[in-house]
Amino acid sequence: MDDPNYDGPVSKLLGAFRRARSAIGSAVSRLFTRGANRKMADVAAKEASEALAKLNAESKEWVKENLTKAAQDGVKRALIDIGAAKTLLEAAEKAKLNRANRDMLAAAILDTHADVLAVTANMDRKTKASIRQALAESLRANLSQGINGNTTLQRDVLDRMRKILGDAVDTGIIDAKGRRWKPEAYVDMLVRTKMAETHRQATINEALGRGVYYAQISSHGAKDACSKWEGRIVKLTPDAPGDYPYYGDLPRRDIFHPRCRHVLMPIRNPK
């Protein structure tokens, strides 16, 4: 069975983020023209929020659909590897989520959706704050020059406004290490990591439910720290006999790190 490839679904979600960013850009572009005022700023902020609300709705459906698929793929992986199904079609017919997997999936969906919402909520806050800041720049520039709101703003003021608004849209979130991520880049990392972990957890739960306590880590010719773990046998429960490392104790900086595509292949007899 081939390892899962979720490039298509992830691209669809990132497309939704790009459309939202484009809509926000269109909403705030009026602030670059002459005549910027508080009413226009309020309208721009409202339109930006509506674009993000639409994105949130799309994201919620995407997370539910695709994490469910990842869980089902993990179950199919287990069924084929332990010989409970001989073909993908047979595995698909048998790929029912047991109680452990249903509970795991429900938690994964809630957790992932909350993480995606954190990105869009941050975009919303920063966009509104930048609109207020850009409007203030415009009003101060007009007052300092004794001109009214119908006069074209000076180039340096417009450049500052564009930078303020551009930074707000481009910076989706700042992680625990202080790194700034553009929304699409962060969401790409986030959902790939969540789907891969959901796949592995579903594989583990299905295997354990069938009395299989070991798995082999897949091999892809990795060049990073994952390479030393490729092909290794691991326990799926710490109580399993044998001198094998337990999956839950593996160093995540080495294997199953963010964006890692390695999967677990259950085996009944590790010898």
Protein backbone atom coordinates (compact mmCIF):
# COMPACT_ATOMS: atom_id res chain seq x y z
CA MET A 1 0.00 0.00 0.00
CA ASP A 2 1.43 3.38 -1.00
CA ASP A 3 2.05 6.00 1.67
CA PRO A 4 -0.65 8.70 1.84
CA ASN A 5 -0.30 11.78 -0.29
CA TYR A 6 -2.54 14.67 0.66
CA ASP A 7 -1.15 17.30 -1.71
CA GLY A 8 -4.47 17.72 -3.52
CA PRO A 9 -6.67 18.34 -0.47
CA VAL A 10 -4.06 20.60 1.14
CA SER A 11 -3.80 22.65 -2.06
CA LYS A 12 -7.57 23.12 -1.98
CA LEU A 13 -7.44 24.51 1.55
CA LEU A 14 -4.51 26.80 0.74
CA GLY A 15 -6.48 28.06 -2.26
CA ALA A 16 -9.27 29.09 0.11
CA PHE A 17 -6.73 31.03 2.18
CA ARG A 18 -5.35 32.76 -0.91
CA ARG A 19 -8.85 33.78 -1.99
CA ALA A 20 -9.53 35.21 1.46
CA ARG A 21 -6.30 37.18 1.41
CA SER A 22 -7.18 38.51 -2.04
CA ALA A 23 -10.62 39.56 -0.80
CA ILE A 24 -9.05 41.33 2.18
CA GLY A 25 -6.63 43.08 -0.16
CA SER A 26 -9.50 44.30 -2.29
CA ALA A 27 -11.41 45.47 0.78
CA VAL A 28 -8.55 47.62 2.07
CA SER A 29 -7.33 48.88 -1.30
CA ARG A 30 -9.78 51.80 -1.12
CA LEU A 31 -7.69 53.17 1.73
CA PHE A 32 -4.90 53.77 -0.78
CA THR A 33 -7.01 56.20 -2.74
CA ARG A 34 -7.94 59.77 -1.97
CA GLY A 35 -10.83 60.42 0.29
CA ALA A 36 -10.06 57.81 2.95
CA ASN A 37 -12.29 58.35 6.00
CA ARG A 38 -13.62 56.50 9.03
CA LYS A 39 -16.73 55.25 7.26
CA MET A 40 -14.64 53.74 4.47
CA ALA A 41 -12.31 52.15 7.02
CA ASP A 42 -15.29 50.59 8.82
CA VAL A 43 -16.62 49.20 5.55
CA ALA A 44 -13.21 47.77 4.68
CA ALA A 45 -12.93 46.12 8.10
CA LYS A 46 -16.41 44.62 7.75
CA GLU A 47 -15.65 43.20 4.31
CA ALA A 48 -12.37 41.73 5.57
CA SER A 49 -14.18 40.06 8.47
CA GLU A 50 -16.78 38.62 6.09
CA ALA A 51 -14.03 37.15 3.91
CA LEU A 52 -12.48 35.50 6.95
CA ALA A 53 -15.87 34.22 8.17
CA LYS A 54 -16.35 32.51 4.81
CA LEU A 55 -12.85 31.06 5.08
CA ASN A 56 -13.61 29.75 8.58
CA ALA A 57 -16.71 27.94 7.30
CA GLU A 58 -14.77 26.38 4.43
CA SER A 59 -11.94 25.41 6.76
CA LYS A 60 -14.30 23.71 9.21
CA GLU A 61 -15.76 21.50 6.50
CA TRP A 62 -12.30 20.78 5.08
CA VAL A 63 -10.89 19.72 8.44
CA LYS A 64 -13.78 17.34 9.15
CA GLU A 65 -13.69 15.77 5.69
CA ASN A 66 -9.94 15.34 5.36
CA LEU A 67 -9.06 14.26 8.89
CA THR A 68 -11.79 11.65 8.55
CA LYS A 69 -10.12 10.50 5.34
CA ALA A 70 -6.73 10.37 7.06
CA ALA A 71 -8.19 8.21 9.85
CA GLN A 72 -9.81 5.86 7.33
CA ASP A 73 -6.54 5.63 5.41
CA GLY A 74 -4.77 4.71 8.64
CA VAL A 75 -7.26 1.92 9.28
CA LYS A 76 -6.84 0.62 5.72
CA ARG A 77 -3.07 0.66 6.22
CA ALA A 78 -3.44 -1.57 9.28
CA LEU A 79 -5.91 -3.94 7.64
CA ILE A 80 -3.65 -4.59 4.68
CA ASP A 81 -0.40 -4.84 6.65
CA ILE A 82 -1.75 -7.39 9.13
CA GLY A 83 -3.49 -9.40 6.40
CA ALA A 84 -7.07 -8.61 7.39
CA ALA A 85 -7.66 -7.31 3.85
CA LYS A 86 -5.90 -8.27 0.64
CA THR A 87 -6.84 -5.34 -1.58
CA LEU A 88 -7.51 -1.64 -1.16
CA LEU A 89 -11.12 -2.23 -2.18
CA GLU A 90 -11.56 -4.87 0.50
CA ALA A 91 -9.78 -2.64 3.03
CA ALA A 92 -12.06 0.27 2.13
CA GLU A 93 -15.12 -1.90 2.70
CA LYS A 94 -13.81 -2.97 6.12
CA ALA A 95 -12.38 0.40 7.16
CA LYS A 96 -14.84 1.14 9.95
CA LEU A 97 -13.62 3.33 12.77
CA ASN A 98 -13.63 1.53 16.12
CA ARG A 99 -14.55 3.42 19.28
CA ALA A 100 -10.97 4.43 20.03
CA ASN A 101 -10.62 5.85 16.55
CA ARG A 102 -13.94 7.66 16.67
CA ASP A 103 -12.92 9.36 19.90
CA MET A 104 -9.44 10.12 18.55
CA LEU A 105 -10.86 11.58 15.34
CA ALA A 106 -13.38 13.78 17.14
CA ALA A 107 -10.59 15.25 19.29
CA ALA A 108 -8.29 15.70 16.28
CA ILE A 109 -10.98 17.57 14.33
CA LEU A 110 -11.68 19.94 17.24
CA ASP A 111 -7.99 20.53 17.87
CA THR A 112 -7.13 21.14 14.21
CA HIS A 113 -10.07 23.44 13.61
CA ALA A 114 -9.12 25.46 16.69
CA ASP A 115 -5.56 25.81 15.38
CA VAL A 116 -6.79 26.98 11.96
CA LEU A 117 -9.16 29.44 13.64
CA ALA A 118 -6.23 30.86 15.58
CA VAL A 119 -4.62 31.80 12.26
CA THR A 120 -7.70 33.49 10.82
CA ALA A 121 -8.53 35.22 14.11
CA ASN A 122 -5.03 36.65 14.21
CA MET A 123 -5.39 37.83 10.60
CA ASP A 124 -8.70 39.48 11.53
CA ARG A 125 -7.23 41.31 14.52
CA LYS A 126 -4.14 42.46 12.67
CA THR A 127 -6.12 43.57 9.61
CA LYS A 128 -8.52 45.68 11.71
CA ALA A 129 -5.65 47.18 13.71
CA SER A 130 -3.74 48.00 10.54
CA ILE A 131 -6.80 49.61 8.95
CA ARG A 132 -7.14 51.85 11.98
CA GLN A 133 -3.44 52.65 11.86
CA ALA A 134 -3.51 53.37 8.14
CA LEU A 135 -6.53 55.65 8.56
CA ALA A 136 -4.72 57.51 11.33
CA GLU A 137 -1.71 57.95 9.04
CA SER A 138 -3.97 59.40 6.37
CA LEU A 139 -5.75 61.81 8.71
CA ARG A 140 -2.52 63.01 10.29
CA ALA A 141 -0.97 63.58 6.89
CA ASN A 142 -3.96 65.64 5.78
CA LEU A 143 -4.05 67.67 8.98
CA SER A 144 -0.33 68.39 8.92
CA GLN A 145 -0.58 69.69 5.36
CA GLY A 146 -3.81 71.59 5.86
CA ILE A 147 -5.57 69.61 3.15
CA ASN A 148 -8.91 67.82 3.06
CA GLY A 149 -9.73 64.16 2.51
CA ASN A 150 -10.29 64.61 -1.22
CA THR A 151 -6.66 65.35 -1.97
CA THR A 152 -4.39 62.55 -3.08
CA LEU A 153 -2.14 61.35 -0.29
CA GLN A 154 1.59 61.81 -0.60
CA ARG A 155 3.62 58.84 -1.85
CA ASP A 156 5.48 58.24 1.43
CA VAL A 157 2.19 58.08 3.35
CA LEU A 158 0.72 55.64 0.84
CA ASP A 159 3.85 53.48 1.03
CA ARG A 160 3.62 53.30 4.82
CA MET A 161 -0.07 52.41 4.61
CA ARG A 162 0.61 49.65 2.10
CA LYS A 163 3.32 48.21 4.31
CA ILE A 164 1.12 48.30 7.41
CA LEU A 165 -1.74 46.55 5.63
CA GLY A 166 0.52 44.13 3.76
CA ASP A 167 2.25 43.02 6.95
CA ALA A 168 -1.12 42.39 8.60
CA VAL A 169 -2.34 40.10 5.81
CA ASP A 170 0.98 38.30 5.33
CA THR A 171 1.59 37.48 8.99
CA GLY A 172 -0.90 34.81 10.02
CA ILE A 173 0.70 33.69 13.27
CA ILE A 174 3.86 33.83 15.33
CA ASP A 175 4.87 30.44 16.75
CA ALA A 176 6.36 29.56 20.13
CA LYS A 177 9.87 30.18 18.80
CA GLY A 178 8.98 33.67 17.60
CA ARG A 179 8.98 32.75 13.91
CA ARG A 180 6.60 34.66 11.67
CA TRP A 181 4.56 32.58 9.26
CA LYS A 182 2.49 33.61 6.29
CA PRO A 183 -0.99 32.11 6.66
CA GLU A 184 -0.66 29.58 3.85
CA ALA A 185 2.78 28.37 4.96
CA TYR A 186 1.68 27.86 8.55
CA VAL A 187 -1.59 26.16 7.62
CA ASP A 188 0.24 23.92 5.14
CA MET A 189 2.58 22.74 7.91
CA LEU A 190 -0.26 22.46 10.42
CA VAL A 191 -2.72 20.36 8.44
CA ARG A 192 -0.09 18.05 6.93
CA THR A 193 1.21 17.36 10.42
CA LYS A 194 -2.30 16.80 11.84
CA MET A 195 -3.34 14.50 8.99
CA ALA A 196 -0.18 12.42 9.30
CA GLU A 197 -0.62 12.06 13.06
CA THR A 198 -4.31 11.17 12.62
CA HIS A 199 -3.28 8.50 10.09
CA ARG A 200 -0.72 7.01 12.49
CA GLN A 201 -3.07 7.07 15.49
CA ALA A 202 -5.80 5.35 13.47
CA THR A 203 -3.33 2.69 12.38
CA ILE A 204 -2.28 2.11 16.00
CA ASN A 205 -5.84 1.90 17.31
CA GLU A 206 -6.91 -0.54 14.60
CA ALA A 207 -3.84 -2.71 15.13
CA LEU A 208 -4.24 -2.83 18.90
CA GLY A 209 -7.92 -3.64 18.49
CA ARG A 210 -6.86 -6.71 16.49
CA GLY A 211 -4.19 -7.82 18.93
CA VAL A 212 -1.21 -6.47 16.98
CA TYR A 213 1.32 -4.72 19.19
CA TYR A 214 4.21 -3.83 16.87
CA ALA A 215 4.83 -1.83 13.72
CA GLN A 216 7.65 -1.02 11.37
CA ILE A 217 8.44 2.56 10.42
CA SER A 218 8.22 3.10 6.67
CA SER A 219 11.31 3.82 4.58
CA HIS A 220 11.61 6.62 2.02
CA GLY A 221 15.36 7.16 1.73
CA ALA A 222 15.19 10.10 4.11
CA LYS A 223 18.22 12.39 4.33
CA ASP A 224 17.37 14.02 7.67
CA ALA A 225 17.24 12.60 11.19
CA CYS A 226 14.35 10.33 10.14
CA SER A 227 16.85 8.13 8.28
CA LYS A 228 18.08 6.38 11.43
CA TRP A 229 14.53 5.33 12.26
CA GLU A 230 13.49 4.03 8.85
CA GLY A 231 12.67 0.33 8.94
CA ARG A 232 12.88 0.16 12.75
CA ILE A 233 10.43 -1.93 14.74
CA VAL A 234 8.50 -0.12 17.48
CA LYS A 235 5.98 -1.13 20.12
CA LEU A 236 2.48 0.25 19.80
CA THR A 237 1.93 -0.18 23.54
CA PRO A 238 4.61 0.12 26.24
CA ASP A 239 3.58 -3.23 27.78
CA ALA A 240 4.39 -5.29 24.69
CA PRO A 241 7.24 -7.80 25.17
CA GLY A 242 10.63 -7.28 23.57
CA ASP A 243 13.42 -4.76 23.53
CA TYR A 244 11.83 -2.36 21.08
CA PRO A 245 11.29 1.37 21.55
CA TYR A 246 7.74 2.46 22.32
CA TYR A 247 6.14 4.69 19.71
CA GLY A 248 5.10 7.25 22.32
CA ASP A 249 8.70 7.67 23.49
CA LEU A 250 10.24 8.38 20.07
CA PRO A 251 12.00 11.77 19.85
CA ARG A 252 9.77 13.98 17.71
CA ARG A 253 12.75 16.08 16.65
CA ASP A 254 14.02 12.95 14.84
CA ILE A 255 10.94 11.11 13.61
CA PHE A 256 7.27 12.01 13.08
CA HIS A 257 8.17 15.69 13.24
CA PRO A 258 6.05 18.41 11.57
CA ARG A 259 5.38 17.56 7.91
CA CYS A 260 6.87 14.07 8.39
CA ARG A 261 5.33 11.56 5.97
CA HIS A 262 6.56 8.37 7.59
CA VAL A 263 3.83 5.91 8.50
CA LEU A 264 3.53 2.88 10.75
CA MET A 265 3.17 -0.57 9.20
CA PRO A 266 1.72 -3.00 11.78
CA ILE A 267 3.26 -6.45 12.11
CA ARG A 268 2.13 -9.35 14.26
CA ASN A 269 5.54 -10.88 14.86
CA PRO A 270 8.47 -8.45 15.14
CA LYS A 271 10.94 -11.30 14.61
